[in-house]
Amino acid sequence: MSVIKFSASQKELLIHKLQQYFSNELDQELAQFDADFLLDFFTKEMGNHFYNQGIYDAQRLLAEKLDYISDEMFQLEKPIS
């Protein structure tokens, strides 16, 4: 599996969100370097869990859609006498 990487603009947005969270919820300032380091840690240590959950969710959705299509096709069958 490939390593999870963010574009520069995505990383900037995520760092900003971390800084906002620390400021609003924890009443602490998180410097740019610290936020970058924390984001890298979360990505490395937890990213695969979120990625895998996304895969599982997509698989479940696809299975539901395939079941629906299969049911709809079954309804189209003509009786054989």
PDB file of N, CA and C in Angstrom:
ATOM      1  N   MET A   1       0.838  -1.171   0.000  1.00  0.00           N
ATOM      2  CA  MET A   1       0.000   0.000   0.000  1.00  0.00           C
ATOM      3  C   MET A   1       0.886   1.238   0.000  1.00  0.00           C
ATOM      4  N   SER A   2       0.455   2.242  -0.717  1.00  0.00           N
ATOM      5  CA  SER A   2       1.244   3.465  -0.793  1.00  0.00           C
ATOM      6  C   SER A   2       1.075   4.301   0.474  1.00  0.00           C
ATOM      7  N   VAL A   3       2.032   5.161   0.696  1.00  0.00           N
ATOM      8  CA  VAL A   3       2.019   6.042   1.856  1.00  0.00           C
ATOM      9  C   VAL A   3       0.990   7.147   1.620  1.00  0.00           C
ATOM     10  N   ILE A   4       0.277   7.519   2.660  1.00  0.00           N
ATOM     11  CA  ILE A   4      -0.710   8.586   2.551  1.00  0.00           C
ATOM     12  C   ILE A   4       0.040   9.913   2.466  1.00  0.00           C
ATOM     13  N   LYS A   5      -0.214  10.651   1.407  1.00  0.00           N
ATOM     14  CA  LYS A   5       0.427  11.951   1.199  1.00  0.00           C
ATOM     15  C   LYS A   5      -0.645  12.980   0.885  1.00  0.00           C
ATOM     16  N   PHE A   6      -0.421  14.184   1.346  1.00  0.00           N
ATOM     17  CA  PHE A   6      -1.317  15.294   1.082  1.00  0.00           C
ATOM     18  C   PHE A   6      -0.607  16.313   0.205  1.00  0.00           C
ATOM     19  N   SER A   7      -1.372  16.990  -0.629  1.00  0.00           N
ATOM     20  CA  SER A   7      -0.801  18.085  -1.409  1.00  0.00           C
ATOM     21  C   SER A   7      -0.450  19.215  -0.443  1.00  0.00           C
ATOM     22  N   ALA A   8       0.323  20.163  -0.919  1.00  0.00           N
ATOM     23  CA  ALA A   8       0.722  21.291  -0.073  1.00  0.00           C
ATOM     24  C   ALA A   8      -0.502  22.058   0.426  1.00  0.00           C
ATOM     25  N   SER A   9      -1.487  22.256  -0.440  1.00  0.00           N
ATOM     26  CA  SER A   9      -2.679  23.003  -0.020  1.00  0.00           C
ATOM     27  C   SER A   9      -3.518  22.199   0.971  1.00  0.00           C
ATOM     28  N   GLN A  10      -3.604  20.879   0.779  1.00  0.00           N
ATOM     29  CA  GLN A  10      -4.337  20.043   1.732  1.00  0.00           C
ATOM     30  C   GLN A  10      -3.655  20.068   3.094  1.00  0.00           C
ATOM     31  N   LYS A  11      -2.323  19.932   3.072  1.00  0.00           N
ATOM     32  CA  LYS A  11      -1.571  19.917   4.323  1.00  0.00           C
ATOM     33  C   LYS A  11      -1.719  21.256   5.053  1.00  0.00           C
ATOM     34  N   GLU A  12      -1.673  22.356   4.298  1.00  0.00           N
ATOM     35  CA  GLU A  12      -1.841  23.678   4.894  1.00  0.00           C
ATOM     36  C   GLU A  12      -3.208  23.795   5.564  1.00  0.00           C
ATOM     37  N   LEU A  13      -4.252  23.307   4.900  1.00  0.00           N
ATOM     38  CA  LEU A  13      -5.600  23.352   5.456  1.00  0.00           C
ATOM     39  C   LEU A  13      -5.694  22.494   6.719  1.00  0.00           C
ATOM     40  N   LEU A  14      -5.133  21.294   6.677  1.00  0.00           N
ATOM     41  CA  LEU A  14      -5.197  20.401   7.837  1.00  0.00           C
ATOM     42  C   LEU A  14      -4.422  20.971   9.019  1.00  0.00           C
ATOM     43  N   ILE A  15      -3.278  21.567   8.749  1.00  0.00           N
ATOM     44  CA  ILE A  15      -2.497  22.199   9.816  1.00  0.00           C
ATOM     45  C   ILE A  15      -3.297  23.338  10.432  1.00  0.00           C
ATOM     46  N   HIS A  16      -3.935  24.121   9.593  1.00  0.00           N
ATOM     47  CA  HIS A  16      -4.765  25.223  10.089  1.00  0.00           C
ATOM     48  C   HIS A  16      -5.907  24.687  10.962  1.00  0.00           C
ATOM     49  N   LYS A  17      -6.520  23.589  10.544  1.00  0.00           N
ATOM     50  CA  LYS A  17      -7.605  22.997  11.331  1.00  0.00           C
ATOM     51  C   LYS A  17      -7.094  22.500  12.690  1.00  0.00           C
ATOM     52  N   LEU A  18      -5.912  21.908  12.708  1.00  0.00           N
ATOM     53  CA  LEU A  18      -5.318  21.480  13.976  1.00  0.00           C
ATOM     54  C   LEU A  18      -5.070  22.680  14.888  1.00  0.00           C
ATOM     55  N   GLN A  19      -4.528  23.741  14.317  1.00  0.00           N
ATOM     56  CA  GLN A  19      -4.256  24.933  15.111  1.00  0.00           C
ATOM     57  C   GLN A  19      -5.550  25.532  15.661  1.00  0.00           C
ATOM     58  N   GLN A  20      -6.592  25.561  14.844  1.00  0.00           N
ATOM     59  CA  GLN A  20      -7.885  26.072  15.307  1.00  0.00           C
ATOM     60  C   GLN A  20      -8.442  25.209  16.428  1.00  0.00           C
ATOM     61  N   TYR A  21      -8.335  23.898  16.271  1.00  0.00           N
ATOM     62  CA  TYR A  21      -8.854  22.993  17.300  1.00  0.00           C
ATOM     63  C   TYR A  21      -8.134  23.230  18.621  1.00  0.00           C
ATOM     64  N   PHE A  22      -6.817  23.284  18.569  1.00  0.00           N
ATOM     65  CA  PHE A  22      -6.049  23.490  19.797  1.00  0.00           C
ATOM     66  C   PHE A  22      -6.417  24.821  20.444  1.00  0.00           C
ATOM     67  N   SER A  23      -6.613  25.825  19.627  1.00  0.00           N
ATOM     68  CA  SER A  23      -6.950  27.145  20.153  1.00  0.00           C
ATOM     69  C   SER A  23      -8.358  27.162  20.741  1.00  0.00           C
ATOM     70  N   ASN A  24      -9.323  26.656  20.001  1.00  0.00           N
ATOM     71  CA  ASN A  24     -10.722  26.730  20.430  1.00  0.00           C
ATOM     72  C   ASN A  24     -11.080  25.742  21.527  1.00  0.00           C
ATOM     73  N   GLU A  25     -10.593  24.524  21.420  1.00  0.00           N
ATOM     74  CA  GLU A  25     -11.011  23.470  22.354  1.00  0.00           C
ATOM     75  C   GLU A  25     -10.070  23.289  23.536  1.00  0.00           C
ATOM     76  N   LEU A  26      -8.785  23.550  23.328  1.00  0.00           N
ATOM     77  CA  LEU A  26      -7.805  23.307  24.390  1.00  0.00           C
ATOM     78  C   LEU A  26      -7.198  24.587  24.939  1.00  0.00           C
ATOM     79  N   ASP A  27      -7.578  25.715  24.330  1.00  0.00           N
ATOM     80  CA  ASP A  27      -7.065  27.015  24.745  1.00  0.00           C
ATOM     81  C   ASP A  27      -5.532  27.035  24.766  1.00  0.00           C
ATOM     82  N   GLN A  28      -4.950  26.434  23.726  1.00  0.00           N
ATOM     83  CA  GLN A  28      -3.489  26.396  23.586  1.00  0.00           C
ATOM     84  C   GLN A  28      -3.111  26.788  22.161  1.00  0.00           C
ATOM     85  N   GLU A  29      -1.986  27.466  22.057  1.00  0.00           N
ATOM     86  CA  GLU A  29      -1.484  27.819  20.734  1.00  0.00           C
ATOM     87  C   GLU A  29      -0.607  26.673  20.230  1.00  0.00           C
ATOM     88  N   LEU A  30      -0.814  26.301  18.992  1.00  0.00           N
ATOM     89  CA  LEU A  30      -0.019  25.250  18.359  1.00  0.00           C
ATOM     90  C   LEU A  30       0.747  25.892  17.211  1.00  0.00           C
ATOM     91  N   ALA A  31       2.054  25.945  17.344  1.00  0.00           N
ATOM     92  CA  ALA A  31       2.896  26.578  16.328  1.00  0.00           C
ATOM     93  C   ALA A  31       2.852  25.782  15.023  1.00  0.00           C
ATOM     94  N   GLN A  32       3.182  26.436  13.941  1.00  0.00           N
ATOM     95  CA  GLN A  32       3.165  25.823  12.607  1.00  0.00           C
ATOM     96  C   GLN A  32       3.990  24.537  12.580  1.00  0.00           C
ATOM     97  N   PHE A  33       5.210  24.589  13.099  1.00  0.00           N
ATOM     98  CA  PHE A  33       6.088  23.415  13.097  1.00  0.00           C
ATOM     99  C   PHE A  33       5.478  22.276  13.912  1.00  0.00           C
ATOM    100  N   ASP A  34       4.963  22.600  15.082  1.00  0.00           N
ATOM    101  CA  ASP A  34       4.357  21.582  15.947  1.00  0.00           C
ATOM    102  C   ASP A  34       3.115  20.968  15.298  1.00  0.00           C
ATOM    103  N   ALA A  35       2.306  21.799  14.659  1.00  0.00           N
ATOM    104  CA  ALA A  35       1.112  21.300  13.980  1.00  0.00           C
ATOM    105  C   ALA A  35       1.488  20.404  12.812  1.00  0.00           C
ATOM    106  N   ASP A  36       2.522  20.772  12.090  1.00  0.00           N
ATOM    107  CA  ASP A  36       3.013  19.962  10.973  1.00  0.00           C
ATOM    108  C   ASP A  36       3.500  18.607  11.485  1.00  0.00           C
ATOM    109  N   PHE A  37       4.270  18.630  12.568  1.00  0.00           N
ATOM    110  CA  PHE A  37       4.781  17.403  13.173  1.00  0.00           C
ATOM    111  C   PHE A  37       3.629  16.522  13.667  1.00  0.00           C
ATOM    112  N   LEU A  38       2.625  17.128  14.295  1.00  0.00           N
ATOM    113  CA  LEU A  38       1.477  16.384  14.812  1.00  0.00           C
ATOM    114  C   LEU A  38       0.674  15.766  13.674  1.00  0.00           C
ATOM    115  N   LEU A  39       0.480  16.531  12.597  1.00  0.00           N
ATOM    116  CA  LEU A  39      -0.227  15.999  11.440  1.00  0.00           C
ATOM    117  C   LEU A  39       0.518  14.809  10.846  1.00  0.00           C
ATOM    118  N   ASP A  40       1.834  14.912  10.738  1.00  0.00           N
ATOM    119  CA  ASP A  40       2.628  13.794  10.229  1.00  0.00           C
ATOM    120  C   ASP A  40       2.482  12.565  11.118  1.00  0.00           C
ATOM    121  N   PHE A  41       2.479  12.790  12.435  1.00  0.00           N
ATOM    122  CA  PHE A  41       2.295  11.684  13.380  1.00  0.00           C
ATOM    123  C   PHE A  41       0.927  11.029  13.190  1.00  0.00           C
ATOM    124  N   PHE A  42      -0.136  11.839  13.157  1.00  0.00           N
ATOM    125  CA  PHE A  42      -1.478  11.294  12.962  1.00  0.00           C
ATOM    126  C   PHE A  42      -1.583  10.532  11.651  1.00  0.00           C
ATOM    127  N   THR A  43      -1.013  11.092  10.603  1.00  0.00           N
ATOM    128  CA  THR A  43      -1.073  10.461   9.289  1.00  0.00           C
ATOM    129  C   THR A  43      -0.362   9.112   9.308  1.00  0.00           C
ATOM    130  N   LYS A  44       0.822   9.084   9.898  1.00  0.00           N
ATOM    131  CA  LYS A  44       1.610   7.846   9.922  1.00  0.00           C
ATOM    132  C   LYS A  44       0.989   6.794  10.835  1.00  0.00           C
ATOM    133  N   GLU A  45       0.568   7.212  12.013  1.00  0.00           N
ATOM    134  CA  GLU A  45       0.116   6.258  13.024  1.00  0.00           C
ATOM    135  C   GLU A  45      -1.364   5.901  12.927  1.00  0.00           C
ATOM    136  N   MET A  46      -2.187   6.795  12.388  1.00  0.00           N
ATOM    137  CA  MET A  46      -3.626   6.556  12.370  1.00  0.00           C
ATOM    138  C   MET A  46      -4.237   6.612  10.980  1.00  0.00           C
ATOM    139  N   GLY A  47      -3.515   7.145  10.039  1.00  0.00           N
ATOM    140  CA  GLY A  47      -4.053   7.342   8.697  1.00  0.00           C
ATOM    141  C   GLY A  47      -4.573   6.071   8.065  1.00  0.00           C
ATOM    142  N   ASN A  48      -3.849   4.973   8.242  1.00  0.00           N
ATOM    143  CA  ASN A  48      -4.266   3.710   7.632  1.00  0.00           C
ATOM    144  C   ASN A  48      -5.615   3.231   8.165  1.00  0.00           C
ATOM    145  N   HIS A  49      -5.886   3.518   9.419  1.00  0.00           N
ATOM    146  CA  HIS A  49      -7.179   3.123   9.997  1.00  0.00           C
ATOM    147  C   HIS A  49      -8.323   3.863   9.304  1.00  0.00           C
ATOM    148  N   PHE A  50      -8.147   5.167   9.101  1.00  0.00           N
ATOM    149  CA  PHE A  50      -9.169   5.962   8.430  1.00  0.00           C
ATOM    150  C   PHE A  50      -9.288   5.561   6.958  1.00  0.00           C
ATOM    151  N   TYR A  51      -8.152   5.315   6.335  1.00  0.00           N
ATOM    152  CA  TYR A  51      -8.137   4.890   4.931  1.00  0.00           C
ATOM    153  C   TYR A  51      -8.891   3.565   4.782  1.00  0.00           C
ATOM    154  N   ASN A  52      -8.560   2.597   5.645  1.00  0.00           N
ATOM    155  CA  ASN A  52      -9.217   1.292   5.581  1.00  0.00           C
ATOM    156  C   ASN A  52     -10.713   1.406   5.829  1.00  0.00           C
ATOM    157  N   GLN A  53     -11.111   2.269   6.767  1.00  0.00           N
ATOM    158  CA  GLN A  53     -12.539   2.446   7.028  1.00  0.00           C
ATOM    159  C   GLN A  53     -13.230   2.999   5.787  1.00  0.00           C
ATOM    160  N   GLY A  54     -12.577   3.895   5.077  1.00  0.00           N
ATOM    161  CA  GLY A  54     -13.125   4.411   3.829  1.00  0.00           C
ATOM    162  C   GLY A  54     -13.300   3.310   2.799  1.00  0.00           C
ATOM    163  N   ILE A  55     -12.322   2.405   2.725  1.00  0.00           N
ATOM    164  CA  ILE A  55     -12.407   1.266   1.806  1.00  0.00           C
ATOM    165  C   ILE A  55     -13.585   0.375   2.200  1.00  0.00           C
ATOM    166  N   TYR A  56     -13.711   0.090   3.499  1.00  0.00           N
ATOM    167  CA  TYR A  56     -14.814  -0.768   3.963  1.00  0.00           C
ATOM    168  C   TYR A  56     -16.165  -0.127   3.650  1.00  0.00           C
ATOM    169  N   ASP A  57     -16.257   1.173   3.877  1.00  0.00           N
ATOM    170  CA  ASP A  57     -17.512   1.881   3.588  1.00  0.00           C
ATOM    171  C   ASP A  57     -17.836   1.820   2.098  1.00  0.00           C
ATOM    172  N   ALA A  58     -16.821   2.003   1.255  1.00  0.00           N
ATOM    173  CA  ALA A  58     -17.035   1.945  -0.196  1.00  0.00           C
ATOM    174  C   ALA A  58     -17.441   0.537  -0.625  1.00  0.00           C
ATOM    175  N   GLN A  59     -16.819  -0.485  -0.041  1.00  0.00           N
ATOM    176  CA  GLN A  59     -17.184  -1.867  -0.367  1.00  0.00           C
ATOM    177  C   GLN A  59     -18.627  -2.159   0.014  1.00  0.00           C
ATOM    178  N   ARG A  60     -19.031  -1.697   1.200  1.00  0.00           N
ATOM    179  CA  ARG A  60     -20.398  -1.918   1.660  1.00  0.00           C
ATOM    180  C   ARG A  60     -21.394  -1.216   0.740  1.00  0.00           C
ATOM    181  N   LEU A  61     -21.090   0.016   0.366  1.00  0.00           N
ATOM    182  CA  LEU A  61     -21.968   0.762  -0.529  1.00  0.00           C
ATOM    183  C   LEU A  61     -22.066   0.079  -1.890  1.00  0.00           C
ATOM    184  N   LEU A  62     -20.942  -0.372  -2.409  1.00  0.00           N
ATOM    185  CA  LEU A  62     -20.937  -1.058  -3.694  1.00  0.00           C
ATOM    186  C   LEU A  62     -21.748  -2.345  -3.621  1.00  0.00           C
ATOM    187  N   ALA A  63     -21.586  -3.101  -2.541  1.00  0.00           N
ATOM    188  CA  ALA A  63     -22.354  -4.346  -2.376  1.00  0.00           C
ATOM    189  C   ALA A  63     -23.854  -4.048  -2.327  1.00  0.00           C
ATOM    190  N   GLU A  64     -24.234  -2.979  -1.619  1.00  0.00           N
ATOM    191  CA  GLU A  64     -25.655  -2.614  -1.555  1.00  0.00           C
ATOM    192  C   GLU A  64     -26.181  -2.256  -2.934  1.00  0.00           C
ATOM    193  N   LYS A  65     -25.410  -1.495  -3.688  1.00  0.00           N
ATOM    194  CA  LYS A  65     -25.839  -1.080  -5.031  1.00  0.00           C
ATOM    195  C   LYS A  65     -25.920  -2.287  -5.966  1.00  0.00           C
ATOM    196  N   LEU A  66     -24.965  -3.208  -5.853  1.00  0.00           N
ATOM    197  CA  LEU A  66     -24.990  -4.407  -6.693  1.00  0.00           C
ATOM    198  C   LEU A  66     -26.190  -5.287  -6.351  1.00  0.00           C
ATOM    199  N   ASP A  67     -26.521  -5.390  -5.064  1.00  0.00           N
ATOM    200  CA  ASP A  67     -27.715  -6.143  -4.665  1.00  0.00           C
ATOM    201  C   ASP A  67     -28.966  -5.513  -5.261  1.00  0.00           C
ATOM    202  N   TYR A  68     -29.042  -4.197  -5.208  1.00  0.00           N
ATOM    203  CA  TYR A  68     -30.192  -3.486  -5.774  1.00  0.00           C
ATOM    204  C   TYR A  68     -30.298  -3.748  -7.277  1.00  0.00           C
ATOM    205  N   ILE A  69     -29.182  -3.640  -7.979  1.00  0.00           N
ATOM    206  CA  ILE A  69     -29.180  -3.877  -9.426  1.00  0.00           C
ATOM    207  C   ILE A  69     -29.576  -5.312  -9.730  1.00  0.00           C
ATOM    208  N   SER A  70     -29.058  -6.253  -8.959  1.00  0.00           N
ATOM    209  CA  SER A  70     -29.405  -7.660  -9.149  1.00  0.00           C
ATOM    210  C   SER A  70     -30.900  -7.888  -8.947  1.00  0.00           C
ATOM    211  N   ASP A  71     -31.451  -7.280  -7.909  1.00  0.00           N
ATOM    212  CA  ASP A  71     -32.898  -7.394  -7.663  1.00  0.00           C
ATOM    213  C   ASP A  71     -33.706  -6.786  -8.804  1.00  0.00           C
ATOM    214  N   GLU A  72     -33.273  -5.632  -9.285  1.00  0.00           N
ATOM    215  CA  GLU A  72     -33.975  -4.985 -10.392  1.00  0.00           C
ATOM    216  C   GLU A  72     -33.918  -5.838 -11.661  1.00  0.00           C
ATOM    217  N   MET A  73     -32.776  -6.462 -11.921  1.00  0.00           N
ATOM    218  CA  MET A  73     -32.647  -7.324 -13.099  1.00  0.00           C
ATOM    219  C   MET A  73     -33.531  -8.565 -12.962  1.00  0.00           C
ATOM    220  N   PHE A  74     -33.619  -9.094 -11.742  1.00  0.00           N
ATOM    221  CA  PHE A  74     -34.478 -10.237 -11.495  1.00  0.00           C
ATOM    222  C   PHE A  74     -35.926  -9.895 -11.825  1.00  0.00           C
ATOM    223  N   GLN A  75     -36.328  -8.672 -11.492  1.00  0.00           N
ATOM    224  CA  GLN A  75     -37.703  -8.231 -11.777  1.00  0.00           C
ATOM    225  C   GLN A  75     -37.974  -8.175 -13.286  1.00  0.00           C
ATOM    226  N   LEU A  76     -36.941  -8.024 -14.088  1.00  0.00           N
ATOM    227  CA  LEU A  76     -37.096  -7.933 -15.546  1.00  0.00           C
ATOM    228  C   LEU A  76     -37.245  -9.295 -16.216  1.00  0.00           C
ATOM    229  N   GLU A  77     -36.942 -10.348 -15.468  1.00  0.00           N
ATOM    230  CA  GLU A  77     -37.029 -11.682 -16.081  1.00  0.00           C
ATOM    231  C   GLU A  77     -38.455 -11.983 -16.510  1.00  0.00           C
ATOM    232  N   LYS A  78     -38.545 -12.673 -17.606  1.00  0.00           N
ATOM    233  CA  LYS A  78     -39.850 -13.103 -18.145  1.00  0.00           C
ATOM    234  C   LYS A  78     -40.081 -14.559 -17.731  1.00  0.00           C
ATOM    235  N   PRO A  79     -41.331 -14.905 -17.436  1.00  0.00           N
ATOM    236  CA  PRO A  79     -41.615 -16.291 -17.078  1.00  0.00           C
ATOM    237  C   PRO A  79     -41.399 -17.210 -18.276  1.00  0.00           C
ATOM    238  N   ILE A  80     -40.914 -18.391 -17.963  1.00  0.00           N
ATOM    239  CA  ILE A  80     -40.711 -19.402 -19.006  1.00  0.00           C
ATOM    240  C   ILE A  80     -41.768 -20.478 -18.807  1.00  0.00           C
ATOM    241  N   SER A  81     -42.492 -20.757 -19.885  1.00  0.00           N
ATOM    242  CA  SER A  81     -43.547 -21.762 -19.757  1.00  0.00           C
ATOM    243  C   SER A  81     -43.155 -23.071 -20.374  1.00  0.00           C
TER     244      SER A  81
END
